[in-house]
N, C-alpha and C. Protein backbone atom coordinates (compact mmCIF):
# COMPACT_ATOMS: atom_id res chain seq x y z
N UNK A 1 -279.46 48.28 -157.44
CA UNK A 1 -280.28 49.47 -157.36
C UNK A 1 -279.63 50.51 -156.45
N UNK A 2 -278.67 51.25 -156.97
CA UNK A 2 -277.96 52.23 -156.14
C UNK A 2 -278.87 53.29 -155.53
N UNK A 3 -279.89 53.73 -156.26
CA UNK A 3 -280.79 54.74 -155.71
C UNK A 3 -281.55 54.24 -154.50
N UNK A 4 -281.96 53.00 -154.58
CA UNK A 4 -282.71 52.41 -153.46
C UNK A 4 -281.80 52.25 -152.25
N UNK A 5 -280.54 51.83 -152.47
CA UNK A 5 -279.58 51.70 -151.38
C UNK A 5 -279.38 53.04 -150.67
N UNK A 6 -279.27 54.11 -151.45
CA UNK A 6 -279.10 55.44 -150.85
C UNK A 6 -280.34 55.84 -150.06
N UNK A 7 -281.50 55.50 -150.58
CA UNK A 7 -282.75 55.84 -149.88
C UNK A 7 -282.84 55.09 -148.56
N UNK A 8 -282.47 53.83 -148.58
CA UNK A 8 -282.49 53.03 -147.35
C UNK A 8 -281.48 53.58 -146.35
N UNK A 9 -280.29 53.89 -146.83
CA UNK A 9 -279.26 54.46 -145.95
C UNK A 9 -279.74 55.78 -145.35
N UNK A 10 -280.42 56.61 -146.13
CA UNK A 10 -280.93 57.89 -145.62
C UNK A 10 -281.97 57.65 -144.53
N UNK A 11 -282.84 56.67 -144.73
CA UNK A 11 -283.85 56.36 -143.72
C UNK A 11 -283.19 55.87 -142.44
N UNK A 12 -282.22 54.99 -142.58
CA UNK A 12 -281.52 54.46 -141.41
C UNK A 12 -280.75 55.57 -140.71
N UNK A 13 -280.07 56.42 -141.47
CA UNK A 13 -279.32 57.53 -140.88
C UNK A 13 -280.25 58.46 -140.10
N UNK A 14 -281.41 58.75 -140.68
CA UNK A 14 -282.39 59.60 -140.01
C UNK A 14 -282.88 58.95 -138.71
N UNK A 15 -283.12 57.65 -138.77
CA UNK A 15 -283.57 56.94 -137.57
C UNK A 15 -282.49 56.96 -136.49
N UNK A 16 -281.23 56.82 -136.88
CA UNK A 16 -280.14 56.88 -135.91
C UNK A 16 -280.02 58.28 -135.30
N UNK A 17 -280.25 59.31 -136.09
CA UNK A 17 -280.22 60.68 -135.56
C UNK A 17 -281.35 60.87 -134.55
N UNK A 18 -282.52 60.34 -134.86
CA UNK A 18 -283.64 60.43 -133.92
C UNK A 18 -283.34 59.66 -132.65
N UNK A 19 -282.69 58.51 -132.78
CA UNK A 19 -282.30 57.72 -131.62
C UNK A 19 -281.35 58.53 -130.74
N UNK A 20 -280.38 59.19 -131.34
CA UNK A 20 -279.43 60.01 -130.58
C UNK A 20 -280.15 61.15 -129.87
N UNK A 21 -281.10 61.79 -130.53
CA UNK A 21 -281.87 62.87 -129.89
C UNK A 21 -282.70 62.33 -128.74
N UNK A 22 -283.28 61.16 -128.93
CA UNK A 22 -284.08 60.54 -127.87
C UNK A 22 -283.22 60.21 -126.67
N UNK A 23 -282.01 59.70 -126.93
CA UNK A 23 -281.09 59.41 -125.83
C UNK A 23 -280.75 60.68 -125.05
N UNK A 24 -280.50 61.76 -125.77
CA UNK A 24 -280.17 63.02 -125.11
C UNK A 24 -281.33 63.52 -124.26
N UNK A 25 -282.55 63.43 -124.81
CA UNK A 25 -283.73 63.84 -124.03
C UNK A 25 -283.91 62.96 -122.79
N UNK A 26 -283.72 61.65 -122.96
CA UNK A 26 -283.85 60.73 -121.83
C UNK A 26 -282.82 61.04 -120.76
N UNK A 27 -281.58 61.28 -121.18
CA UNK A 27 -280.53 61.59 -120.21
C UNK A 27 -280.84 62.87 -119.44
N UNK A 28 -281.36 63.88 -120.13
CA UNK A 28 -281.70 65.13 -119.46
C UNK A 28 -282.84 64.93 -118.47
N UNK A 29 -283.87 64.21 -118.88
CA UNK A 29 -285.00 63.97 -117.97
C UNK A 29 -284.57 63.12 -116.78
N UNK A 30 -283.70 62.14 -117.02
CA UNK A 30 -283.20 61.31 -115.93
C UNK A 30 -282.36 62.14 -114.96
N UNK A 31 -281.56 63.05 -115.48
CA UNK A 31 -280.74 63.93 -114.63
C UNK A 31 -281.65 64.82 -113.78
N UNK A 32 -282.70 65.35 -114.38
CA UNK A 32 -283.65 66.17 -113.62
C UNK A 32 -284.32 65.36 -112.53
N UNK A 33 -284.74 64.15 -112.88
CA UNK A 33 -285.39 63.29 -111.90
C UNK A 33 -284.41 62.87 -110.81
N UNK A 34 -283.18 62.58 -111.16
CA UNK A 34 -282.17 62.21 -110.17
C UNK A 34 -281.94 63.35 -109.18
N UNK A 35 -281.99 64.58 -109.65
CA UNK A 35 -281.85 65.73 -108.74
C UNK A 35 -283.01 65.76 -107.75
N UNK A 36 -284.22 65.51 -108.23
CA UNK A 36 -285.39 65.47 -107.35
C UNK A 36 -285.27 64.32 -106.35
N UNK A 37 -284.74 63.18 -106.81
CA UNK A 37 -284.55 62.03 -105.92
C UNK A 37 -283.53 62.37 -104.85
N UNK A 38 -282.43 63.04 -105.22
CA UNK A 38 -281.42 63.44 -104.24
C UNK A 38 -282.01 64.37 -103.20
N UNK A 39 -282.80 65.34 -103.65
CA UNK A 39 -283.45 66.26 -102.71
C UNK A 39 -284.39 65.52 -101.76
N UNK A 40 -285.16 64.59 -102.31
CA UNK A 40 -286.07 63.79 -101.50
C UNK A 40 -285.29 62.97 -100.48
N UNK A 41 -284.21 62.31 -100.94
CA UNK A 41 -283.43 61.46 -100.05
C UNK A 41 -282.80 62.24 -98.90
N UNK A 42 -282.51 63.52 -99.12
CA UNK A 42 -281.97 64.34 -98.03
C UNK A 42 -283.02 64.66 -96.97
N UNK A 43 -284.29 64.59 -97.35
CA UNK A 43 -285.37 64.97 -96.44
C UNK A 43 -285.95 63.79 -95.66
N UNK A 44 -285.83 62.58 -96.18
CA UNK A 44 -286.46 61.44 -95.50
C UNK A 44 -285.69 61.09 -94.23
N UNK A 45 -286.40 60.62 -93.21
CA UNK A 45 -285.75 60.40 -91.91
C UNK A 45 -284.86 59.16 -91.85
N UNK A 46 -285.03 58.22 -92.74
CA UNK A 46 -284.27 56.98 -92.65
C UNK A 46 -283.88 56.49 -94.04
N UNK A 47 -282.78 55.75 -94.07
CA UNK A 47 -282.30 55.20 -95.34
C UNK A 47 -283.32 54.27 -96.00
N UNK A 48 -284.15 53.63 -95.22
CA UNK A 48 -285.09 52.67 -95.81
C UNK A 48 -286.14 53.36 -96.67
N UNK A 49 -286.32 54.67 -96.50
CA UNK A 49 -287.30 55.40 -97.30
C UNK A 49 -286.69 56.05 -98.54
N UNK A 50 -285.37 55.96 -98.64
CA UNK A 50 -284.71 56.62 -99.77
C UNK A 50 -285.00 55.89 -101.08
N UNK A 51 -284.99 56.65 -102.15
CA UNK A 51 -285.22 56.13 -103.50
C UNK A 51 -283.88 55.96 -104.21
N UNK A 52 -283.83 54.99 -105.10
CA UNK A 52 -282.62 54.79 -105.90
C UNK A 52 -282.62 55.76 -107.07
N UNK A 53 -281.42 56.19 -107.41
CA UNK A 53 -281.26 57.06 -108.58
C UNK A 53 -281.40 56.23 -109.85
N UNK A 54 -281.69 56.89 -110.93
CA UNK A 54 -281.80 56.22 -112.22
C UNK A 54 -280.40 56.03 -112.79
N UNK A 55 -280.06 54.80 -113.12
CA UNK A 55 -278.78 54.50 -113.77
C UNK A 55 -279.00 54.56 -115.27
N UNK A 56 -278.72 55.72 -115.83
CA UNK A 56 -279.02 55.98 -117.24
C UNK A 56 -278.28 55.00 -118.15
N UNK A 57 -277.02 54.77 -117.91
CA UNK A 57 -276.24 53.90 -118.79
C UNK A 57 -276.78 52.47 -118.77
N UNK A 58 -277.22 52.02 -117.62
CA UNK A 58 -277.81 50.68 -117.55
C UNK A 58 -279.12 50.65 -118.33
N UNK A 59 -279.89 51.71 -118.25
CA UNK A 59 -281.18 51.76 -118.94
C UNK A 59 -281.04 51.80 -120.45
N UNK A 60 -280.03 52.52 -120.95
CA UNK A 60 -279.86 52.60 -122.41
C UNK A 60 -278.99 51.48 -122.94
N UNK A 61 -278.32 50.76 -122.06
CA UNK A 61 -277.57 49.59 -122.47
C UNK A 61 -276.22 49.86 -123.09
N UNK A 62 -275.57 50.94 -122.70
CA UNK A 62 -274.25 51.22 -123.24
C UNK A 62 -273.45 52.09 -122.30
N UNK A 63 -272.13 52.10 -122.52
CA UNK A 63 -271.25 52.89 -121.68
C UNK A 63 -271.32 54.37 -122.01
N UNK A 64 -271.68 54.67 -123.24
CA UNK A 64 -271.82 56.06 -123.64
C UNK A 64 -272.70 56.13 -124.88
N UNK A 65 -272.96 57.32 -125.33
CA UNK A 65 -273.86 57.52 -126.46
C UNK A 65 -273.35 56.84 -127.73
N UNK A 66 -272.04 56.87 -127.95
CA UNK A 66 -271.49 56.26 -129.16
C UNK A 66 -271.74 54.75 -129.16
N UNK A 67 -271.49 54.11 -128.03
CA UNK A 67 -271.74 52.67 -127.96
C UNK A 67 -273.22 52.38 -128.12
N UNK A 68 -274.05 53.15 -127.47
CA UNK A 68 -275.49 52.92 -127.57
C UNK A 68 -275.97 53.03 -129.00
N UNK A 69 -275.47 54.01 -129.72
CA UNK A 69 -275.87 54.18 -131.11
C UNK A 69 -275.23 53.07 -131.96
N UNK A 70 -273.98 52.74 -131.68
CA UNK A 70 -273.27 51.73 -132.47
C UNK A 70 -274.01 50.39 -132.44
N UNK A 71 -274.57 50.02 -131.30
CA UNK A 71 -275.23 48.73 -131.17
C UNK A 71 -276.74 48.81 -131.36
N UNK A 72 -277.21 49.96 -131.75
CA UNK A 72 -278.63 50.09 -132.05
C UNK A 72 -278.95 49.22 -133.27
N UNK A 73 -280.09 48.54 -133.29
CA UNK A 73 -280.42 47.66 -134.41
C UNK A 73 -280.31 48.31 -135.79
N UNK A 74 -280.65 49.58 -135.89
CA UNK A 74 -280.56 50.25 -137.19
C UNK A 74 -279.10 50.45 -137.60
N UNK A 75 -278.23 50.66 -136.64
CA UNK A 75 -276.82 50.81 -136.96
C UNK A 75 -276.25 49.50 -137.47
N UNK A 76 -276.71 48.41 -136.90
CA UNK A 76 -276.25 47.09 -137.36
C UNK A 76 -276.72 46.87 -138.79
N UNK A 77 -277.97 47.23 -139.10
CA UNK A 77 -278.46 47.09 -140.46
C UNK A 77 -277.65 47.93 -141.44
N UNK A 78 -277.29 49.13 -141.02
CA UNK A 78 -276.53 50.02 -141.89
C UNK A 78 -275.15 49.43 -142.21
N UNK A 79 -274.59 48.68 -141.27
CA UNK A 79 -273.25 48.14 -141.49
C UNK A 79 -273.25 46.89 -142.36
N UNK A 80 -274.41 46.33 -142.65
CA UNK A 80 -274.47 45.10 -143.48
C UNK A 80 -274.16 45.38 -144.94
C-alpha cells in the first residue's frame, strides 16, 4: 500500500517537525530562565542559596538538536 506508507511517513515527518519546534521553544525558555537564575545567584549572599542552571542537553537527552531528533521514537519508526 504505497499511498498508506506515504501518509504514515507524512504524519511521522510532521511529528518530527513539531518535536524540533518544541525543542527550540524549550531551549529558548531555558535560556531565559538561566539568565534569571544567574541574576538571582549574583544577588544572594552565600553559595548555599544559589540555584543550579538548567542543563538543557541533559533534559532533552542529546548532545544537540540533530541527535535529539535522530533518537526520537518517531524518527526510529520512520527508519524501519
